[in-house]
Amino acid sequence: MNTLQLENMQTMAEGLPWFGGIAGIIGFFIWIIVWGMVVGGSIGTAVVFGWLMWSMRWVIVTLGGIVLLLIAISTML
């Protein structure tokens, strides 16, 4: 192994921690973004569903009452 090859390997080895650190940081941010989308999507879905149920509760109760009234009328006739 000559000196030029040794110097090239040493230069590459000195650069590796920087590339490893940059790759680690990028991987960490990708991991954070993906988990943020998963958790945020789940929380967002639950919040929207809760908000819809909360805002539509009287509509649901009214429709249920109308259905029960129609069932009561149809069984009486």
C-alpha atoms as a PDB file:
ATOM      1  CA  MET A   1       0.000   0.000   0.000  1.00  0.00           C
ATOM      2  CA  ASN A   2       1.604   3.241  -1.046  1.00  0.00           C
ATOM      3  CA  THR A   3       1.420   6.603   0.670  1.00  0.00           C
ATOM      4  CA  LEU A   4      -1.157   8.051  -1.721  1.00  0.00           C
ATOM      5  CA  GLN A   5      -3.634   5.269  -0.993  1.00  0.00           C
ATOM      6  CA  LEU A   6      -2.998   5.660   2.737  1.00  0.00           C
ATOM      7  CA  GLU A   7      -3.570   9.416   2.542  1.00  0.00           C
ATOM      8  CA  ASN A   8      -6.782   8.874   0.557  1.00  0.00           C
ATOM      9  CA  MET A   9      -8.066   6.389   3.129  1.00  0.00           C
ATOM     10  CA  GLN A  10      -7.118   8.722   5.980  1.00  0.00           C
ATOM     11  CA  THR A  11      -8.899  11.648   4.316  1.00  0.00           C
ATOM     12  CA  MET A  12     -11.998   9.516   3.755  1.00  0.00           C
ATOM     13  CA  ALA A  13     -11.903   8.250   7.347  1.00  0.00           C
ATOM     14  CA  GLU A  14     -11.623  11.810   8.658  1.00  0.00           C
ATOM     15  CA  GLY A  15     -14.658  12.811   6.608  1.00  0.00           C
ATOM     16  CA  LEU A  16     -16.788   9.872   7.725  1.00  0.00           C
ATOM     17  CA  PRO A  17     -17.894  11.245  11.118  1.00  0.00           C
ATOM     18  CA  TRP A  18     -19.220  14.358   9.409  1.00  0.00           C
ATOM     19  CA  PHE A  19     -21.189  12.320   6.900  1.00  0.00           C
ATOM     20  CA  GLY A  20     -22.378  10.007   9.681  1.00  0.00           C
ATOM     21  CA  GLY A  21     -23.484  12.973  11.774  1.00  0.00           C
ATOM     22  CA  ILE A  22     -25.282  14.625   8.879  1.00  0.00           C
ATOM     23  CA  ALA A  23     -26.967  11.341   7.955  1.00  0.00           C
ATOM     24  CA  GLY A  24     -27.960  10.846  11.596  1.00  0.00           C
ATOM     25  CA  ILE A  25     -29.440  14.337  11.825  1.00  0.00           C
ATOM     26  CA  ILE A  26     -31.334  13.920   8.543  1.00  0.00           C
ATOM     27  CA  GLY A  27     -32.552  10.481   9.635  1.00  0.00           C
ATOM     28  CA  PHE A  28     -33.679  11.916  12.978  1.00  0.00           C
ATOM     29  CA  PHE A  29     -35.640  14.690  11.289  1.00  0.00           C
ATOM     30  CA  ILE A  30     -37.236  12.235   8.861  1.00  0.00           C
ATOM     31  CA  TRP A  31     -38.171  10.019  11.841  1.00  0.00           C
ATOM     32  CA  ILE A  32     -39.645  13.026  13.686  1.00  0.00           C
ATOM     33  CA  ILE A  33     -41.589  14.111  10.591  1.00  0.00           C
ATOM     34  CA  VAL A  34     -42.992  10.630   9.930  1.00  0.00           C
ATOM     35  CA  TRP A  35     -44.007  10.055  13.569  1.00  0.00           C
ATOM     36  CA  GLY A  36     -45.369  13.593  13.712  1.00  0.00           C
ATOM     37  CA  MET A  37     -47.573  12.843  10.735  1.00  0.00           C
ATOM     38  CA  VAL A  38     -48.725   9.527  12.215  1.00  0.00           C
ATOM     39  CA  VAL A  39     -49.445  10.887  15.708  1.00  0.00           C
ATOM     40  CA  GLY A  40     -50.761  14.203  14.393  1.00  0.00           C
ATOM     41  CA  GLY A  41     -53.032  12.403  11.968  1.00  0.00           C
ATOM     42  CA  SER A  42     -54.382  10.171  14.716  1.00  0.00           C
ATOM     43  CA  ILE A  43     -54.929  13.077  17.106  1.00  0.00           C
ATOM     44  CA  GLY A  44     -56.408  15.170  14.298  1.00  0.00           C
ATOM     45  CA  THR A  45     -58.821  12.389  13.369  1.00  0.00           C
ATOM     46  CA  ALA A  46     -59.892  11.938  16.984  1.00  0.00           C
ATOM     47  CA  VAL A  47     -60.337  15.697  17.453  1.00  0.00           C
ATOM     48  CA  VAL A  48     -62.382  16.076  14.259  1.00  0.00           C
ATOM     49  CA  PHE A  49     -64.511  13.052  15.155  1.00  0.00           C
ATOM     50  CA  GLY A  50     -65.058  14.418  18.690  1.00  0.00           C
ATOM     51  CA  TRP A  51     -65.905  17.850  17.346  1.00  0.00           C
ATOM     52  CA  LEU A  52     -68.371  16.388  14.847  1.00  0.00           C
ATOM     53  CA  MET A  53     -70.017  14.273  17.524  1.00  0.00           C
ATOM     54  CA  TRP A  54     -70.173  17.252  19.878  1.00  0.00           C
ATOM     55  CA  SER A  55     -71.578  19.621  17.266  1.00  0.00           C
ATOM     56  CA  MET A  56     -73.973  17.083  15.780  1.00  0.00           C
ATOM     57  CA  ARG A  57     -75.243  15.654  19.072  1.00  0.00           C
ATOM     58  CA  TRP A  58     -78.619  17.387  18.953  1.00  0.00           C
ATOM     59  CA  VAL A  59     -79.100  16.421  15.315  1.00  0.00           C
ATOM     60  CA  ILE A  60     -78.350  12.801  16.198  1.00  0.00           C
ATOM     61  CA  VAL A  61     -80.624  12.909  19.253  1.00  0.00           C
ATOM     62  CA  THR A  62     -83.415  14.556  17.228  1.00  0.00           C
ATOM     63  CA  LEU A  63     -83.126  12.004  14.423  1.00  0.00           C
ATOM     64  CA  GLY A  64     -83.153   9.197  16.984  1.00  0.00           C
ATOM     65  CA  GLY A  65     -86.281  10.658  18.566  1.00  0.00           C
ATOM     66  CA  ILE A  66     -88.010  10.947  15.195  1.00  0.00           C
ATOM     67  CA  VAL A  67     -87.139   7.333  14.360  1.00  0.00           C
ATOM     68  CA  LEU A  68     -88.457   6.171  17.749  1.00  0.00           C
ATOM     69  CA  LEU A  69     -91.643   8.202  17.231  1.00  0.00           C
ATOM     70  CA  LEU A  70     -92.165   6.688  13.778  1.00  0.00           C
ATOM     71  CA  ILE A  71     -91.584   3.195  15.183  1.00  0.00           C
ATOM     72  CA  ALA A  72     -94.089   3.894  17.972  1.00  0.00           C
ATOM     73  CA  ILE A  73     -96.681   5.184  15.479  1.00  0.00           C
ATOM     74  CA  SER A  74     -96.185   2.248  13.123  1.00  0.00           C
ATOM     75  CA  THR A  75     -96.585  -0.308  15.919  1.00  0.00           C
ATOM     76  CA  MET A  76     -99.797   1.339  17.163  1.00  0.00           C
ATOM     77  CA  LEU A  77    -101.524   1.163  13.775  1.00  0.00           C
END
